[in-house]
Every structure is written in C-alpha cells, then in structure tokens.
N, C-alpha and C. Protein backbone atom coordinates (compact mmCIF):
# COMPACT_ATOMS: atom_id res chain seq x y z
N UNK A 1 70.42 150.80 -120.85
CA UNK A 1 69.41 151.80 -121.19
C UNK A 1 68.32 151.80 -120.13
N UNK A 2 67.83 152.98 -119.82
CA UNK A 2 66.66 153.08 -118.96
C UNK A 2 65.44 153.10 -119.86
N UNK A 3 64.29 152.74 -119.32
CA UNK A 3 63.07 152.74 -120.10
C UNK A 3 61.90 153.19 -119.27
N UNK A 4 60.98 153.95 -119.89
CA UNK A 4 59.82 154.43 -119.16
C UNK A 4 58.75 154.94 -120.09
N UNK A 5 57.77 155.61 -119.47
CA UNK A 5 56.62 156.14 -120.20
C UNK A 5 56.39 157.58 -119.74
N UNK A 6 56.23 158.47 -120.70
CA UNK A 6 55.89 159.86 -120.44
C UNK A 6 54.53 160.13 -121.05
N UNK A 7 53.65 160.73 -120.28
CA UNK A 7 52.33 161.13 -120.78
C UNK A 7 52.46 162.57 -121.28
N UNK A 8 52.28 162.77 -122.57
CA UNK A 8 52.49 164.09 -123.17
C UNK A 8 51.65 165.16 -122.48
N UNK A 9 50.44 164.84 -122.09
CA UNK A 9 49.54 165.81 -121.47
C UNK A 9 49.99 166.23 -120.08
N UNK A 10 50.98 165.53 -119.51
CA UNK A 10 51.47 165.87 -118.17
C UNK A 10 52.47 167.03 -118.19
N UNK A 11 52.91 167.44 -119.36
CA UNK A 11 53.91 168.50 -119.45
C UNK A 11 53.26 169.88 -119.29
N UNK A 12 53.94 170.74 -118.55
CA UNK A 12 53.48 172.13 -118.39
C UNK A 12 53.50 172.83 -119.74
N UNK A 13 52.52 173.65 -119.99
CA UNK A 13 52.53 174.46 -121.20
C UNK A 13 53.74 175.38 -121.15
N UNK A 14 54.50 175.41 -122.21
CA UNK A 14 55.69 176.24 -122.28
C UNK A 14 56.96 175.55 -121.81
N UNK A 15 56.83 174.36 -121.24
CA UNK A 15 58.03 173.65 -120.80
C UNK A 15 58.74 173.02 -121.99
N UNK A 16 60.01 172.74 -121.81
CA UNK A 16 60.79 172.14 -122.87
C UNK A 16 61.79 171.17 -122.25
N UNK A 17 61.82 169.99 -122.78
CA UNK A 17 62.77 168.97 -122.34
C UNK A 17 63.75 168.76 -123.48
N UNK A 18 64.99 169.18 -123.26
CA UNK A 18 65.98 169.02 -124.32
C UNK A 18 67.34 168.71 -123.70
N UNK A 19 68.28 168.34 -124.55
CA UNK A 19 69.62 168.03 -124.09
C UNK A 19 69.80 166.59 -123.64
N UNK A 20 68.83 165.74 -123.97
CA UNK A 20 68.90 164.33 -123.62
C UNK A 20 68.72 163.48 -124.87
N UNK A 21 69.49 162.44 -125.01
CA UNK A 21 69.31 161.55 -126.16
C UNK A 21 68.17 160.56 -125.92
N UNK A 22 66.94 161.08 -125.84
CA UNK A 22 65.78 160.21 -125.66
C UNK A 22 65.42 159.54 -126.97
N UNK A 23 65.12 158.29 -126.89
CA UNK A 23 64.64 157.55 -128.06
C UNK A 23 63.20 157.14 -127.78
N UNK A 24 62.28 157.67 -128.56
CA UNK A 24 60.88 157.28 -128.42
C UNK A 24 60.71 155.96 -129.15
N UNK A 25 60.25 154.95 -128.42
CA UNK A 25 60.13 153.61 -129.00
C UNK A 25 58.70 153.27 -129.40
N UNK A 26 57.73 154.02 -128.86
CA UNK A 26 56.33 153.78 -129.22
C UNK A 26 55.51 154.99 -128.80
N UNK A 27 54.51 155.33 -129.61
CA UNK A 27 53.57 156.40 -129.30
C UNK A 27 52.18 155.79 -129.36
N UNK A 28 51.40 156.02 -128.29
CA UNK A 28 50.03 155.47 -128.22
C UNK A 28 49.07 156.53 -127.72
N UNK A 29 47.82 156.45 -128.16
CA UNK A 29 46.73 157.26 -127.61
C UNK A 29 45.78 156.31 -126.93
N UNK A 30 45.41 156.64 -125.69
CA UNK A 30 44.49 155.78 -124.95
C UNK A 30 43.39 156.60 -124.30
N UNK A 31 42.25 155.97 -124.08
CA UNK A 31 41.19 156.54 -123.27
C UNK A 31 41.44 156.15 -121.83
N UNK A 32 41.19 157.08 -120.91
CA UNK A 32 41.48 156.85 -119.50
C UNK A 32 40.21 156.97 -118.68
N UNK A 33 39.79 155.87 -118.10
CA UNK A 33 38.59 155.88 -117.26
C UNK A 33 38.83 156.46 -115.89
N UNK A 34 40.09 156.52 -115.45
CA UNK A 34 40.41 156.99 -114.10
C UNK A 34 40.96 158.41 -114.08
N UNK A 35 40.73 159.17 -115.15
CA UNK A 35 41.25 160.54 -115.20
C UNK A 35 40.66 161.38 -114.08
N UNK A 36 41.50 162.22 -113.48
CA UNK A 36 41.03 163.13 -112.44
C UNK A 36 40.37 164.34 -113.10
N UNK A 37 39.81 165.21 -112.27
CA UNK A 37 39.17 166.42 -112.80
C UNK A 37 40.18 167.28 -113.56
N UNK A 38 41.46 167.22 -113.20
CA UNK A 38 42.48 168.02 -113.87
C UNK A 38 43.17 167.31 -115.01
N UNK A 39 42.68 166.15 -115.40
CA UNK A 39 43.29 165.38 -116.49
C UNK A 39 42.29 165.18 -117.62
N UNK A 40 42.77 165.22 -118.87
CA UNK A 40 41.86 164.91 -119.98
C UNK A 40 41.54 163.42 -119.99
N UNK A 41 40.50 163.04 -120.68
CA UNK A 41 40.07 161.65 -120.76
C UNK A 41 40.85 160.82 -121.76
N UNK A 42 41.69 161.46 -122.57
CA UNK A 42 42.55 160.75 -123.53
C UNK A 42 43.98 161.20 -123.31
N UNK A 43 44.91 160.24 -123.36
CA UNK A 43 46.32 160.54 -123.15
C UNK A 43 47.15 160.07 -124.33
N UNK A 44 48.27 160.76 -124.54
CA UNK A 44 49.28 160.35 -125.50
C UNK A 44 50.46 159.80 -124.70
N UNK A 45 50.73 158.50 -124.84
CA UNK A 45 51.82 157.86 -124.11
C UNK A 45 53.04 157.75 -125.01
N UNK A 46 54.17 158.20 -124.49
CA UNK A 46 55.44 158.12 -125.20
C UNK A 46 56.34 157.14 -124.44
N UNK A 47 56.50 155.95 -124.97
CA UNK A 47 57.46 155.00 -124.39
C UNK A 47 58.84 155.46 -124.85
N UNK A 48 59.79 155.51 -123.93
CA UNK A 48 61.11 156.03 -124.28
C UNK A 48 62.22 155.22 -123.65
N UNK A 49 63.41 155.42 -124.21
CA UNK A 49 64.64 154.87 -123.68
C UNK A 49 65.68 155.98 -123.68
N UNK A 50 66.65 155.85 -122.78
CA UNK A 50 67.76 156.79 -122.70
C UNK A 50 68.93 156.10 -122.02
N UNK A 51 70.12 156.62 -122.17
CA UNK A 51 71.26 156.02 -121.47
C UNK A 51 71.09 156.08 -119.95
N UNK A 52 71.43 155.01 -119.26
CA UNK A 52 71.31 154.99 -117.80
C UNK A 52 72.14 156.09 -117.15
N UNK A 53 73.23 156.48 -117.76
CA UNK A 53 74.08 157.53 -117.19
C UNK A 53 73.33 158.86 -117.07
N UNK A 54 72.24 159.04 -117.81
CA UNK A 54 71.46 160.28 -117.77
C UNK A 54 70.28 160.22 -116.81
N UNK A 55 70.13 159.15 -116.04
CA UNK A 55 68.95 158.94 -115.21
C UNK A 55 68.69 160.08 -114.23
N UNK A 56 69.70 160.51 -113.50
CA UNK A 56 69.51 161.58 -112.51
C UNK A 56 69.22 162.92 -113.17
N UNK A 57 69.98 163.26 -114.20
CA UNK A 57 69.75 164.53 -114.91
C UNK A 57 68.38 164.57 -115.54
N UNK A 58 67.96 163.45 -116.11
CA UNK A 58 66.63 163.37 -116.72
C UNK A 58 65.55 163.59 -115.68
N UNK A 59 65.70 162.97 -114.52
CA UNK A 59 64.71 163.14 -113.44
C UNK A 59 64.58 164.60 -113.03
N UNK A 60 65.71 165.27 -112.85
CA UNK A 60 65.68 166.68 -112.46
C UNK A 60 65.01 167.53 -113.53
N UNK A 61 65.31 167.26 -114.79
CA UNK A 61 64.70 168.02 -115.88
C UNK A 61 63.20 167.78 -115.96
N UNK A 62 62.79 166.53 -115.83
CA UNK A 62 61.36 166.21 -115.87
C UNK A 62 60.62 166.86 -114.71
N UNK A 63 61.23 166.89 -113.53
CA UNK A 63 60.59 167.52 -112.37
C UNK A 63 60.27 168.99 -112.63
N UNK A 64 61.07 169.61 -113.47
CA UNK A 64 60.82 171.00 -113.83
C UNK A 64 59.85 171.18 -114.98
N UNK A 65 59.49 170.10 -115.65
CA UNK A 65 58.60 170.17 -116.82
C UNK A 65 57.18 169.70 -116.54
N UNK A 66 56.98 168.93 -115.48
CA UNK A 66 55.67 168.34 -115.24
C UNK A 66 54.69 169.35 -114.64
N UNK A 67 53.46 169.21 -115.03
CA UNK A 67 52.37 170.04 -114.51
C UNK A 67 52.20 169.75 -113.01
N UNK A 68 52.19 170.79 -112.17
CA UNK A 68 52.10 170.55 -110.73
C UNK A 68 50.70 170.20 -110.22
N UNK A 69 49.69 170.40 -111.03
CA UNK A 69 48.33 170.04 -110.61
C UNK A 69 47.81 168.92 -111.49
N UNK A 70 46.87 168.17 -110.98
CA UNK A 70 46.25 167.12 -111.77
C UNK A 70 46.78 165.73 -111.47
N UNK A 71 47.74 165.59 -110.57
CA UNK A 71 48.22 164.26 -110.20
C UNK A 71 49.08 163.59 -111.24
N UNK A 72 49.98 164.34 -111.87
CA UNK A 72 50.83 163.79 -112.93
C UNK A 72 52.17 163.31 -112.39
N UNK A 73 52.69 162.28 -113.01
CA UNK A 73 54.05 161.80 -112.75
C UNK A 73 54.56 161.08 -113.99
N UNK A 74 55.85 160.85 -114.02
CA UNK A 74 56.47 160.02 -115.05
C UNK A 74 57.35 159.01 -114.33
N UNK A 75 57.40 157.82 -114.86
CA UNK A 75 58.26 156.81 -114.24
C UNK A 75 59.15 156.16 -115.28
N UNK A 76 60.31 155.73 -114.82
CA UNK A 76 61.22 154.95 -115.65
C UNK A 76 62.12 154.14 -114.75
N UNK A 77 62.75 153.14 -115.34
CA UNK A 77 63.61 152.24 -114.58
C UNK A 77 64.96 152.10 -115.25
N UNK A 78 65.99 152.06 -114.40
CA UNK A 78 67.30 151.63 -114.85
C UNK A 78 67.38 150.14 -114.52
N UNK A 79 68.51 149.56 -114.72
CA UNK A 79 68.68 148.15 -114.38
C UNK A 79 68.43 147.91 -112.90
N UNK A 80 68.87 148.84 -112.05
CA UNK A 80 68.81 148.64 -110.60
C UNK A 80 67.77 149.49 -109.87
N UNK A 81 67.36 150.63 -110.45
CA UNK A 81 66.52 151.56 -109.71
C UNK A 81 65.24 151.93 -110.45
N UNK A 82 64.23 152.27 -109.66
CA UNK A 82 62.99 152.84 -110.18
C UNK A 82 63.01 154.34 -109.90
N UNK A 83 62.63 155.14 -110.89
CA UNK A 83 62.50 156.58 -110.73
C UNK A 83 61.03 156.93 -110.92
N UNK A 84 60.48 157.70 -110.00
CA UNK A 84 59.12 158.22 -110.13
C UNK A 84 59.23 159.72 -109.90
N UNK A 85 58.87 160.49 -110.92
CA UNK A 85 59.11 161.93 -110.92
C UNK A 85 57.78 162.67 -110.95
N UNK A 86 57.63 163.61 -110.03
CA UNK A 86 56.48 164.50 -109.96
C UNK A 86 56.99 165.92 -110.21
N UNK A 87 56.10 166.87 -110.33
CA UNK A 87 56.52 168.26 -110.46
C UNK A 87 57.34 168.62 -109.22
N UNK A 88 58.57 169.03 -109.44
CA UNK A 88 59.46 169.50 -108.39
C UNK A 88 59.81 168.46 -107.32
N UNK A 89 59.64 167.17 -107.63
CA UNK A 89 59.96 166.12 -106.64
C UNK A 89 60.37 164.84 -107.36
N UNK A 90 61.49 164.29 -106.96
CA UNK A 90 62.02 163.06 -107.56
C UNK A 90 62.16 161.99 -106.49
N UNK A 91 61.68 160.80 -106.80
CA UNK A 91 61.88 159.63 -105.95
C UNK A 91 62.66 158.60 -106.75
N UNK A 92 63.57 157.93 -106.06
CA UNK A 92 64.29 156.81 -106.67
C UNK A 92 64.51 155.78 -105.58
N UNK A 93 64.39 154.53 -105.97
CA UNK A 93 64.55 153.46 -105.00
C UNK A 93 64.96 152.19 -105.72
N UNK A 94 65.56 151.25 -105.00
CA UNK A 94 65.94 149.99 -105.63
C UNK A 94 64.70 149.27 -106.16
N UNK A 95 64.79 148.78 -107.37
CA UNK A 95 63.65 148.07 -107.95
C UNK A 95 63.24 146.92 -107.04
N UNK A 96 61.95 146.79 -106.83
CA UNK A 96 61.43 145.72 -106.00
C UNK A 96 61.35 146.05 -104.52
N UNK A 97 61.76 147.25 -104.11
CA UNK A 97 61.71 147.65 -102.70
C UNK A 97 60.29 148.08 -102.36
N UNK A 98 59.54 147.17 -101.76
CA UNK A 98 58.11 147.40 -101.48
C UNK A 98 57.89 148.56 -100.52
N UNK A 99 58.74 148.70 -99.51
CA UNK A 99 58.57 149.79 -98.54
C UNK A 99 58.78 151.15 -99.21
N UNK A 100 59.80 151.26 -100.03
CA UNK A 100 60.06 152.52 -100.73
C UNK A 100 58.93 152.83 -101.70
N UNK A 101 58.47 151.83 -102.41
CA UNK A 101 57.35 152.03 -103.34
C UNK A 101 56.12 152.54 -102.60
N UNK A 102 55.86 151.98 -101.43
CA UNK A 102 54.72 152.39 -100.62
C UNK A 102 54.83 153.86 -100.22
N UNK A 103 56.03 154.31 -99.89
CA UNK A 103 56.24 155.72 -99.56
C UNK A 103 55.93 156.62 -100.75
N UNK A 104 56.37 156.22 -101.93
CA UNK A 104 56.11 157.02 -103.13
C UNK A 104 54.61 157.02 -103.43
N UNK A 105 53.95 155.89 -103.26
CA UNK A 105 52.51 155.82 -103.49
C UNK A 105 51.76 156.75 -102.52
N UNK A 106 52.21 156.83 -101.28
CA UNK A 106 51.58 157.73 -100.31
C UNK A 106 51.73 159.18 -100.77
N UNK A 107 52.91 159.54 -101.24
CA UNK A 107 53.11 160.89 -101.76
C UNK A 107 52.20 161.13 -102.97
N UNK A 108 52.15 160.16 -103.87
CA UNK A 108 51.32 160.29 -105.07
C UNK A 108 49.86 160.56 -104.70
N UNK A 109 49.36 159.81 -103.74
CA UNK A 109 47.97 160.04 -103.30
C UNK A 109 47.81 161.47 -102.77
N UNK A 110 48.82 161.96 -102.05
CA UNK A 110 48.73 163.29 -101.44
C UNK A 110 48.68 164.41 -102.48
N UNK A 111 49.17 164.13 -103.70
CA UNK A 111 49.12 165.15 -104.76
C UNK A 111 48.02 164.86 -105.78
N UNK A 112 47.12 163.95 -105.44
CA UNK A 112 45.94 163.75 -106.27
C UNK A 112 45.97 162.62 -107.27
N UNK A 113 46.97 161.74 -107.20
CA UNK A 113 46.99 160.60 -108.12
C UNK A 113 45.97 159.57 -107.63
N UNK A 114 45.00 159.20 -108.47
CA UNK A 114 44.02 158.20 -108.04
C UNK A 114 44.64 156.81 -107.92
N UNK A 115 44.04 156.00 -107.10
CA UNK A 115 44.53 154.65 -106.83
C UNK A 115 44.80 153.86 -108.12
N UNK A 116 43.92 153.98 -109.10
CA UNK A 116 44.05 153.22 -110.35
C UNK A 116 45.29 153.61 -111.14
N UNK A 117 45.87 154.78 -110.86
CA UNK A 117 47.04 155.24 -111.59
C UNK A 117 48.35 154.99 -110.84
N UNK A 118 48.30 154.26 -109.75
CA UNK A 118 49.50 153.93 -108.99
C UNK A 118 50.09 152.61 -109.49
N UNK A 119 50.11 152.45 -110.78
CA UNK A 119 50.43 151.15 -111.40
C UNK A 119 51.78 151.10 -112.11
N UNK A 120 52.69 152.01 -111.74
CA UNK A 120 53.98 151.99 -112.43
C UNK A 120 54.72 150.69 -112.13
N UNK A 121 55.58 150.31 -113.07
CA UNK A 121 56.39 149.11 -112.89
C UNK A 121 57.73 149.51 -112.29
N UNK A 122 58.25 148.64 -111.41
CA UNK A 122 59.60 148.88 -110.89
C UNK A 122 60.39 147.60 -110.89
C-alpha cells in the first residue's frame, strides 16, 4: 500500500478525484502558521492509503485536481518511491535520494511553496 496526505483545501473548485480505491485513514483540521497569501490559515488533512499499483495513475489524476496557485502539492510514498504532485506536474524519485528531493524542493519554491512546507517524508 502507498500512503500519503492530501490537503482538502488544495483541490481546485469543481475538480473530482474518482476511480481509485482510496482509503482515508485519518482526518484532521490544523492551524497553519506558514500559510501563503493564497492559502487559508486552517487546513483539512486527509491521510490516505491506496494500492501501490495505482501510484502512477493517482499521481496523474491528482496533478489535474490540484489548485495551480497558492503553492499546493500532495505527497505519498510507495515502498520504494516518493511521489510529490503539483498542479500539472508529477515528481517521483527513489525514497531517500537527497539529490532528487533537492530538485523537487527547488521546483516547489519556484511555485510558491514556503520553506516551512517543504517537509514531506520520503
């Protein structure tokens, strides 16, 4: 199973994610001190799991659902790979690959993700 976190507020209005056997394992509301101007100060976090066989398809679908402004992304991990998905852009790299992670972090900064939010696990 792959596992990750989706921030509900990161989804484009009118978008729909369906056709995947996602299992929501936890729902949380948090206050965010590092929210950008395009992000609300409170987020709804959806911890989820899905079959690893759906990792690529899920990434493509999420890339089409995420809000392109505001510095949003979703991340999840399979046993071997980390996926970091932005609006219309998917990154995947072997878990623990510091150079690849650094490249994704550089892209994240370029689309407005603040330093404090570059904390995904891989």
